[in-house]
């Protein structure tokens, strides 16, 4: 398992061997992660599924990819959400 910079893993989450958790990704409590997690994604459930994106400051992005915490704007790319 590889956990990249700034990633958050909730209590009682299960991560299988060989999985990479991307930078600033957020794994919800109790999630079961069976595959790689992209940068800045928010995942929950069993098996873990993406339900949104998170900012580097830890706040969930709104539908316009704007962080209501720090005001950063993002755009969605194939490998994750990247600021511009």
Protein backbone atom coordinates (compact mmCIF):
# COMPACT_ATOMS: atom_id res chain seq x y z
CA UNK A 1 0.00 0.00 0.00
CA UNK A 2 1.22 3.49 -0.88
CA UNK A 3 -0.39 6.53 0.72
CA UNK A 4 0.64 9.77 -1.00
CA UNK A 5 1.07 13.23 0.51
CA UNK A 6 -1.94 14.73 2.29
CA UNK A 7 -4.23 11.68 1.97
CA UNK A 8 -6.79 11.07 4.72
CA UNK A 9 -8.04 7.62 5.74
CA UNK A 10 -11.08 7.42 7.98
CA UNK A 11 -11.48 5.19 11.01
CA UNK A 12 -11.92 1.46 10.41
CA UNK A 13 -11.29 1.74 6.65
CA UNK A 14 -9.88 -1.41 5.04
CA UNK A 15 -7.23 -1.04 2.32
CA UNK A 16 -6.11 -4.16 0.42
CA UNK A 17 -2.43 -4.76 -0.33
CA UNK A 18 -0.91 -3.15 -3.42
CA UNK A 19 -3.35 -0.21 -3.56
CA UNK A 20 -2.22 3.41 -4.00
CA UNK A 21 -4.12 6.22 -2.28
CA UNK A 22 -3.54 9.44 -4.28
CA UNK A 23 -2.40 12.81 -2.99
CA UNK A 24 -5.00 14.62 -0.89
CA UNK A 25 -7.52 11.82 -1.46
CA UNK A 26 -10.12 11.24 1.28
CA UNK A 27 -11.22 7.71 2.21
CA UNK A 28 -14.37 7.72 4.33
CA UNK A 29 -14.67 5.85 7.61
CA UNK A 30 -15.42 2.16 7.15
CA UNK A 31 -14.71 2.19 3.40
CA UNK A 32 -13.28 -0.95 1.79
CA UNK A 33 -10.70 0.08 -0.81
CA UNK A 34 -9.97 -2.62 -3.39
CA UNK A 35 -8.43 -0.50 -6.15
CA UNK A 36 -6.26 2.57 -6.63
CA UNK A 37 -7.70 5.93 -5.58
CA UNK A 38 -6.98 8.97 -7.78
CA UNK A 39 -5.61 12.25 -6.42
CA UNK A 40 -8.09 14.46 -4.56
CA UNK A 41 -11.02 12.04 -4.77
CA UNK A 42 -13.57 11.41 -2.03
CA UNK A 43 -14.51 7.71 -1.71
CA UNK A 44 -16.91 5.88 0.63
CA UNK A 45 -18.65 2.53 0.92
CA UNK A 46 -18.06 -1.17 0.39
CA UNK A 47 -16.52 -1.40 -2.11
CA UNK A 48 -15.26 2.20 -2.05
CA UNK A 49 -16.75 4.38 -4.78
CA UNK A 50 -16.02 7.98 -5.69
CA UNK A 51 -18.71 10.43 -4.61
CA UNK A 52 -16.85 13.69 -5.10
CA UNK A 53 -13.63 15.67 -5.03
CA UNK A 54 -11.74 17.34 -2.19
CA UNK A 55 -9.43 20.35 -2.04
CA UNK A 56 -5.91 20.23 -0.67
CA UNK A 57 -7.29 21.98 2.43
CA UNK A 58 -9.68 19.04 3.02
CA UNK A 59 -12.98 20.67 2.03
CA UNK A 60 -15.29 18.94 -0.48
CA UNK A 61 -15.52 20.76 -3.81
CA UNK A 62 -18.90 22.03 -4.97
CA UNK A 63 -20.44 21.12 -8.35
CA UNK A 64 -18.47 23.93 -10.02
CA UNK A 65 -15.15 22.52 -8.69
CA UNK A 66 -14.70 25.46 -6.30
CA UNK A 67 -13.52 25.03 -2.71
CA UNK A 68 -15.75 26.89 -0.26
CA UNK A 69 -12.96 26.72 2.33
CA UNK A 70 -10.02 28.43 0.62
CA UNK A 71 -11.61 29.62 -2.65
CA UNK A 72 -9.38 27.62 -5.02
CA UNK A 73 -10.88 26.67 -8.37
CA UNK A 74 -10.22 23.27 -9.92
CA UNK A 75 -10.85 21.43 -13.15
CA UNK A 76 -11.42 17.70 -13.62
CA UNK A 77 -8.81 15.67 -15.47
CA UNK A 78 -8.59 11.94 -16.09
CA UNK A 79 -6.10 11.46 -13.23
CA UNK A 80 -7.84 13.64 -10.64
CA UNK A 81 -8.81 17.21 -9.86
CA UNK A 82 -6.05 19.74 -10.57
CA UNK A 83 -6.02 23.41 -9.61
CA UNK A 84 -5.65 26.11 -12.24
